[in-house]
Amino acid sequence: MRCALALTALLILAGCSRAERTPYRIDMPGKEIMGHVVEPAAELDWDAAGYEITEAGEPEPFPTS
């Protein structure tokens, strides 16, 4: 029990330590950021919309609100 309490206290203290943060830098040009970050994230939205023709009709998968 004491060992678990000591380990918990040690983990809490380790989490509270102040480490220096490196400044946020982007060394890529805008076109690369668009290709590696923005475009793959946008693909999720583009792929979620569209049309599907079934025997029951043509439901629209677009949001209503």
PDB file of N, CA and C in Angstrom:
ATOM      1  N   MET A   1       0.833  -1.186   0.000  1.00  0.00           N
ATOM      2  CA  MET A   1       0.000   0.000   0.000  1.00  0.00           C
ATOM      3  C   MET A   1       0.879   1.252   0.000  1.00  0.00           C
ATOM      4  N   ARG A   2       1.890   1.262   0.852  1.00  0.00           N
ATOM      5  CA  ARG A   2       2.777   2.422   0.914  1.00  0.00           C
ATOM      6  C   ARG A   2       3.545   2.590  -0.393  1.00  0.00           C
ATOM      7  N   CYS A   3       3.919   1.473  -0.988  1.00  0.00           N
ATOM      8  CA  CYS A   3       4.677   1.523  -2.237  1.00  0.00           C
ATOM      9  C   CYS A   3       3.818   2.135  -3.350  1.00  0.00           C
ATOM     10  N   ALA A   4       2.552   1.752  -3.402  1.00  0.00           N
ATOM     11  CA  ALA A   4       1.656   2.294  -4.418  1.00  0.00           C
ATOM     12  C   ALA A   4       1.437   3.782  -4.197  1.00  0.00           C
ATOM     13  N   LEU A   5       1.308   4.196  -2.950  1.00  0.00           N
ATOM     14  CA  LEU A   5       1.128   5.610  -2.628  1.00  0.00           C
ATOM     15  C   LEU A   5       2.372   6.417  -2.981  1.00  0.00           C
ATOM     16  N   ALA A   6       3.545   5.864  -2.687  1.00  0.00           N
ATOM     17  CA  ALA A   6       4.792   6.549  -3.016  1.00  0.00           C
ATOM     18  C   ALA A   6       4.972   6.647  -4.529  1.00  0.00           C
ATOM     19  N   LEU A   7       4.623   5.598  -5.242  1.00  0.00           N
ATOM     20  CA  LEU A   7       4.728   5.612  -6.696  1.00  0.00           C
ATOM     21  C   LEU A   7       3.770   6.634  -7.306  1.00  0.00           C
ATOM     22  N   THR A   8       2.571   6.712  -6.777  1.00  0.00           N
ATOM     23  CA  THR A   8       1.596   7.697  -7.257  1.00  0.00           C
ATOM     24  C   THR A   8       2.102   9.111  -7.022  1.00  0.00           C
ATOM     25  N   ALA A   9       2.631   9.370  -5.847  1.00  0.00           N
ATOM     26  CA  ALA A   9       3.162  10.698  -5.538  1.00  0.00           C
ATOM     27  C   ALA A   9       4.336  11.037  -6.442  1.00  0.00           C
ATOM     28  N   LEU A  10       5.179  10.069  -6.709  1.00  0.00           N
ATOM     29  CA  LEU A  10       6.320  10.294  -7.590  1.00  0.00           C
ATOM     30  C   LEU A  10       5.866  10.620  -9.011  1.00  0.00           C
ATOM     31  N   LEU A  11       4.862   9.915  -9.514  1.00  0.00           N
ATOM     32  CA  LEU A  11       4.344  10.181 -10.856  1.00  0.00           C
ATOM     33  C   LEU A  11       3.693  11.557 -10.946  1.00  0.00           C
ATOM     34  N   ILE A  12       2.993  11.963  -9.898  1.00  0.00           N
ATOM     35  CA  ILE A  12       2.374  13.293  -9.885  1.00  0.00           C
ATOM     36  C   ILE A  12       3.450  14.369  -9.899  1.00  0.00           C
ATOM     37  N   LEU A  13       4.483  14.195  -9.098  1.00  0.00           N
ATOM     38  CA  LEU A  13       5.570  15.187  -9.076  1.00  0.00           C
ATOM     39  C   LEU A  13       6.317  15.229 -10.406  1.00  0.00           C
ATOM     40  N   ALA A  14       6.503  14.090 -11.030  1.00  0.00           N
ATOM     41  CA  ALA A  14       7.192  14.059 -12.321  1.00  0.00           C
ATOM     42  C   ALA A  14       6.369  14.759 -13.394  1.00  0.00           C
ATOM     43  N   GLY A  15       5.057  14.648 -13.311  1.00  0.00           N
ATOM     44  CA  GLY A  15       4.184  15.309 -14.280  1.00  0.00           C
ATOM     45  C   GLY A  15       4.138  16.808 -14.095  1.00  0.00           C
ATOM     46  N   CYS A  16       4.459  17.284 -12.916  1.00  0.00           N
ATOM     47  CA  CYS A  16       4.408  18.717 -12.633  1.00  0.00           C
ATOM     48  C   CYS A  16       5.729  19.423 -12.917  1.00  0.00           C
ATOM     49  N   SER A  17       6.750  18.683 -13.305  1.00  0.00           N
ATOM     50  CA  SER A  17       8.038  19.325 -13.540  1.00  0.00           C
ATOM     51  C   SER A  17       7.945  20.257 -14.737  1.00  0.00           C
ATOM     52  N   ARG A  18       8.713  21.311 -14.705  1.00  0.00           N
ATOM     53  CA  ARG A  18       8.685  22.302 -15.776  1.00  0.00           C
ATOM     54  C   ARG A  18       9.839  22.052 -16.727  1.00  0.00           C
ATOM     55  N   ALA A  19       9.514  21.501 -17.845  1.00  0.00           N
ATOM     56  CA  ALA A  19      10.520  21.288 -18.877  1.00  0.00           C
ATOM     57  C   ALA A  19      10.416  22.426 -19.889  1.00  0.00           C
ATOM     58  N   GLU A  20      11.533  22.841 -20.411  1.00  0.00           N
ATOM     59  CA  GLU A  20      11.511  23.903 -21.398  1.00  0.00           C
ATOM     60  C   GLU A  20      10.892  23.374 -22.684  1.00  0.00           C
ATOM     61  N   ARG A  21       9.979  24.158 -23.222  1.00  0.00           N
ATOM     62  CA  ARG A  21       9.350  23.769 -24.469  1.00  0.00           C
ATOM     63  C   ARG A  21      10.101  24.390 -25.624  1.00  0.00           C
ATOM     64  N   THR A  22      10.232  23.610 -26.657  1.00  0.00           N
ATOM     65  CA  THR A  22      10.861  24.159 -27.846  1.00  0.00           C
ATOM     66  C   THR A  22       9.827  24.989 -28.597  1.00  0.00           C
ATOM     67  N   PRO A  23      10.248  26.064 -29.226  1.00  0.00           N
ATOM     68  CA  PRO A  23       9.285  26.881 -29.960  1.00  0.00           C
ATOM     69  C   PRO A  23       8.669  26.099 -31.124  1.00  0.00           C
ATOM     70  N   TYR A  24       7.419  26.369 -31.382  1.00  0.00           N
ATOM     71  CA  TYR A  24       6.707  25.691 -32.456  1.00  0.00           C
ATOM     72  C   TYR A  24       7.182  26.250 -33.786  1.00  0.00           C
ATOM     73  N   ARG A  25       7.740  25.381 -34.611  1.00  0.00           N
ATOM     74  CA  ARG A  25       8.259  25.824 -35.905  1.00  0.00           C
ATOM     75  C   ARG A  25       7.775  24.894 -36.999  1.00  0.00           C
ATOM     76  N   ILE A  26       7.524  25.472 -38.122  1.00  0.00           N
ATOM     77  CA  ILE A  26       7.172  24.687 -39.292  1.00  0.00           C
ATOM     78  C   ILE A  26       8.237  24.963 -40.346  1.00  0.00           C
ATOM     79  N   ASP A  27       8.934  23.947 -40.739  1.00  0.00           N
ATOM     80  CA  ASP A  27       9.982  24.104 -41.733  1.00  0.00           C
ATOM     81  C   ASP A  27       9.544  23.637 -43.116  1.00  0.00           C
ATOM     82  N   MET A  28       8.239  23.499 -43.298  1.00  0.00           N
ATOM     83  CA  MET A  28       7.729  23.061 -44.591  1.00  0.00           C
ATOM     84  C   MET A  28       7.060  24.235 -45.296  1.00  0.00           C
ATOM     85  N   PRO A  29       7.133  24.277 -46.604  1.00  0.00           N
ATOM     86  CA  PRO A  29       6.395  25.296 -47.331  1.00  0.00           C
ATOM     87  C   PRO A  29       4.890  25.017 -47.264  1.00  0.00           C
ATOM     88  N   GLY A  30       4.110  26.009 -47.576  1.00  0.00           N
ATOM     89  CA  GLY A  30       2.653  25.897 -47.488  1.00  0.00           C
ATOM     90  C   GLY A  30       2.080  24.775 -48.322  1.00  0.00           C
ATOM     91  N   LYS A  31       2.628  24.540 -49.505  1.00  0.00           N
ATOM     92  CA  LYS A  31       2.107  23.467 -50.361  1.00  0.00           C
ATOM     93  C   LYS A  31       2.306  22.098 -49.713  1.00  0.00           C
ATOM     94  N   GLU A  32       3.416  21.908 -49.034  1.00  0.00           N
ATOM     95  CA  GLU A  32       3.653  20.624 -48.368  1.00  0.00           C
ATOM     96  C   GLU A  32       2.719  20.442 -47.180  1.00  0.00           C
ATOM     97  N   ILE A  33       2.483  21.509 -46.436  1.00  0.00           N
ATOM     98  CA  ILE A  33       1.553  21.425 -45.299  1.00  0.00           C
ATOM     99  C   ILE A  33       0.166  21.065 -45.810  1.00  0.00           C
ATOM    100  N   MET A  34      -0.247  21.696 -46.903  1.00  0.00           N
ATOM    101  CA  MET A  34      -1.558  21.387 -47.476  1.00  0.00           C
ATOM    102  C   MET A  34      -1.620  19.918 -47.895  1.00  0.00           C
ATOM    103  N   GLY A  35      -0.560  19.413 -48.503  1.00  0.00           N
ATOM    104  CA  GLY A  35      -0.559  18.042 -48.988  1.00  0.00           C
ATOM    105  C   GLY A  35      -0.464  16.995 -47.900  1.00  0.00           C
ATOM    106  N   HIS A  36       0.240  17.306 -46.821  1.00  0.00           N
ATOM    107  CA  HIS A  36       0.470  16.313 -45.762  1.00  0.00           C
ATOM    108  C   HIS A  36      -0.523  16.415 -44.611  1.00  0.00           C
ATOM    109  N   VAL A  37      -1.084  17.601 -44.372  1.00  0.00           N
ATOM    110  CA  VAL A  37      -1.932  17.789 -43.197  1.00  0.00           C
ATOM    111  C   VAL A  37      -3.369  18.118 -43.582  1.00  0.00           C
ATOM    112  N   VAL A  38      -3.547  19.190 -44.334  1.00  0.00           N
ATOM    113  CA  VAL A  38      -4.896  19.696 -44.593  1.00  0.00           C
ATOM    114  C   VAL A  38      -5.672  18.787 -45.543  1.00  0.00           C
ATOM    115  N   GLU A  39      -5.061  18.385 -46.640  1.00  0.00           N
ATOM    116  CA  GLU A  39      -5.778  17.591 -47.645  1.00  0.00           C
ATOM    117  C   GLU A  39      -6.247  16.237 -47.109  1.00  0.00           C
ATOM    118  N   PRO A  40      -5.407  15.467 -46.370  1.00  0.00           N
ATOM    119  CA  PRO A  40      -5.920  14.202 -45.829  1.00  0.00           C
ATOM    120  C   PRO A  40      -7.076  14.402 -44.832  1.00  0.00           C
ATOM    121  N   ALA A  41      -7.026  15.477 -44.060  1.00  0.00           N
ATOM    122  CA  ALA A  41      -8.121  15.737 -43.126  1.00  0.00           C
ATOM    123  C   ALA A  41      -9.390  16.116 -43.875  1.00  0.00           C
ATOM    124  N   ALA A  42      -9.259  16.871 -44.965  1.00  0.00           N
ATOM    125  CA  ALA A  42     -10.419  17.273 -45.749  1.00  0.00           C
ATOM    126  C   ALA A  42     -11.029  16.093 -46.495  1.00  0.00           C
ATOM    127  N   GLU A  43     -10.212  15.101 -46.842  1.00  0.00           N
ATOM    128  CA  GLU A  43     -10.722  13.934 -47.560  1.00  0.00           C
ATOM    129  C   GLU A  43     -11.813  13.218 -46.761  1.00  0.00           C
ATOM    130  N   LEU A  44     -11.705  13.235 -45.437  1.00  0.00           N
ATOM    131  CA  LEU A  44     -12.741  12.608 -44.616  1.00  0.00           C
ATOM    132  C   LEU A  44     -14.090  13.259 -44.866  1.00  0.00           C
ATOM    133  N   ASP A  45     -14.106  14.592 -44.971  1.00  0.00           N
ATOM    134  CA  ASP A  45     -15.360  15.301 -45.223  1.00  0.00           C
ATOM    135  C   ASP A  45     -15.831  15.085 -46.654  1.00  0.00           C
ATOM    136  N   TRP A  46     -14.923  15.141 -47.610  1.00  0.00           N
ATOM    137  CA  TRP A  46     -15.318  14.964 -49.008  1.00  0.00           C
ATOM    138  C   TRP A  46     -15.860  13.563 -49.240  1.00  0.00           C
ATOM    139  N   ASP A  47     -15.260  12.567 -48.613  1.00  0.00           N
ATOM    140  CA  ASP A  47     -15.715  11.189 -48.811  1.00  0.00           C
ATOM    141  C   ASP A  47     -17.035  10.900 -48.103  1.00  0.00           C
ATOM    142  N   ALA A  48     -17.416  11.723 -47.138  1.00  0.00           N
ATOM    143  CA  ALA A  48     -18.652  11.487 -46.397  1.00  0.00           C
ATOM    144  C   ALA A  48     -19.880  11.924 -47.189  1.00  0.00           C
ATOM    145  N   ALA A  49     -19.714  12.776 -48.185  1.00  0.00           N
ATOM    146  CA  ALA A  49     -20.838  13.267 -48.968  1.00  0.00           C
ATOM    147  C   ALA A  49     -20.833  12.621 -50.340  1.00  0.00           C
ATOM    148  N   GLY A  50     -21.998  12.568 -50.932  1.00  0.00           N
ATOM    149  CA  GLY A  50     -22.078  12.004 -52.275  1.00  0.00           C
ATOM    150  C   GLY A  50     -23.476  11.483 -52.543  1.00  0.00           C
ATOM    151  N   TYR A  51     -23.596  10.694 -53.569  1.00  0.00           N
ATOM    152  CA  TYR A  51     -24.883  10.129 -53.943  1.00  0.00           C
ATOM    153  C   TYR A  51     -24.761   8.621 -53.998  1.00  0.00           C
ATOM    154  N   GLU A  52     -25.865   7.963 -53.654  1.00  0.00           N
ATOM    155  CA  GLU A  52     -25.904   6.503 -53.710  1.00  0.00           C
ATOM    156  C   GLU A  52     -27.257   6.107 -54.281  1.00  0.00           C
ATOM    157  N   ILE A  53     -27.246   5.393 -55.363  1.00  0.00           N
ATOM    158  CA  ILE A  53     -28.495   4.979 -55.990  1.00  0.00           C
ATOM    159  C   ILE A  53     -28.737   3.520 -55.630  1.00  0.00           C
ATOM    160  N   THR A  54     -29.879   3.271 -54.967  1.00  0.00           N
ATOM    161  CA  THR A  54     -30.245   1.916 -54.568  1.00  0.00           C
ATOM    162  C   THR A  54     -31.604   1.582 -55.161  1.00  0.00           C
ATOM    163  N   GLU A  55     -32.066   0.380 -54.911  1.00  0.00           N
ATOM    164  CA  GLU A  55     -33.388  -0.022 -55.394  1.00  0.00           C
ATOM    165  C   GLU A  55     -34.486   0.776 -54.708  1.00  0.00           C
ATOM    166  N   ALA A  56     -34.236   1.202 -53.463  1.00  0.00           N
ATOM    167  CA  ALA A  56     -35.250   1.940 -52.706  1.00  0.00           C
ATOM    168  C   ALA A  56     -35.297   3.419 -53.111  1.00  0.00           C
ATOM    169  N   GLY A  57     -34.339   3.885 -53.857  1.00  0.00           N
ATOM    170  CA  GLY A  57     -34.333   5.278 -54.271  1.00  0.00           C
ATOM    171  C   GLY A  57     -32.937   5.864 -54.203  1.00  0.00           C
ATOM    172  N   GLU A  58     -32.909   7.166 -54.036  1.00  0.00           N
ATOM    173  CA  GLU A  58     -31.633   7.888 -54.024  1.00  0.00           C
ATOM    174  C   GLU A  58     -31.544   8.736 -52.756  1.00  0.00           C
ATOM    175  N   PRO A  59     -31.073   8.137 -51.633  1.00  0.00           N
ATOM    176  CA  PRO A  59     -30.969   8.925 -50.390  1.00  0.00           C
ATOM    177  C   PRO A  59     -29.832   9.930 -50.478  1.00  0.00           C
ATOM    178  N   GLU A  60     -30.007  11.060 -49.812  1.00  0.00           N
ATOM    179  CA  GLU A  60     -28.967  12.083 -49.789  1.00  0.00           C
ATOM    180  C   GLU A  60     -28.259  12.017 -48.441  1.00  0.00           C
ATOM    181  N   PRO A  61     -26.960  11.781 -48.417  1.00  0.00           N
ATOM    182  CA  PRO A  61     -26.231  11.664 -47.157  1.00  0.00           C
ATOM    183  C   PRO A  61     -25.766  13.007 -46.588  1.00  0.00           C
ATOM    184  N   PHE A  62     -26.324  14.104 -47.070  1.00  0.00           N
ATOM    185  CA  PHE A  62     -25.889  15.415 -46.629  1.00  0.00           C
ATOM    186  C   PHE A  62     -26.481  15.767 -45.268  1.00  0.00           C
ATOM    187  N   PRO A  63     -25.810  16.533 -44.440  1.00  0.00           N
ATOM    188  CA  PRO A  63     -26.357  16.931 -43.144  1.00  0.00           C
ATOM    189  C   PRO A  63     -27.610  17.793 -43.321  1.00  0.00           C
ATOM    190  N   THR A  64     -28.523  17.668 -42.382  1.00  0.00           N
ATOM    191  CA  THR A  64     -29.767  18.452 -42.444  1.00  0.00           C
ATOM    192  C   THR A  64     -29.781  19.602 -41.448  1.00  0.00           C
ATOM    193  N   SER A  65     -28.821  19.643 -40.553  1.00  0.00           N
ATOM    194  CA  SER A  65     -28.812  20.754 -39.585  1.00  0.00           C
ATOM    195  C   SER A  65     -27.408  21.287 -39.429  1.00  0.00           C
TER     196      SER A  65
END
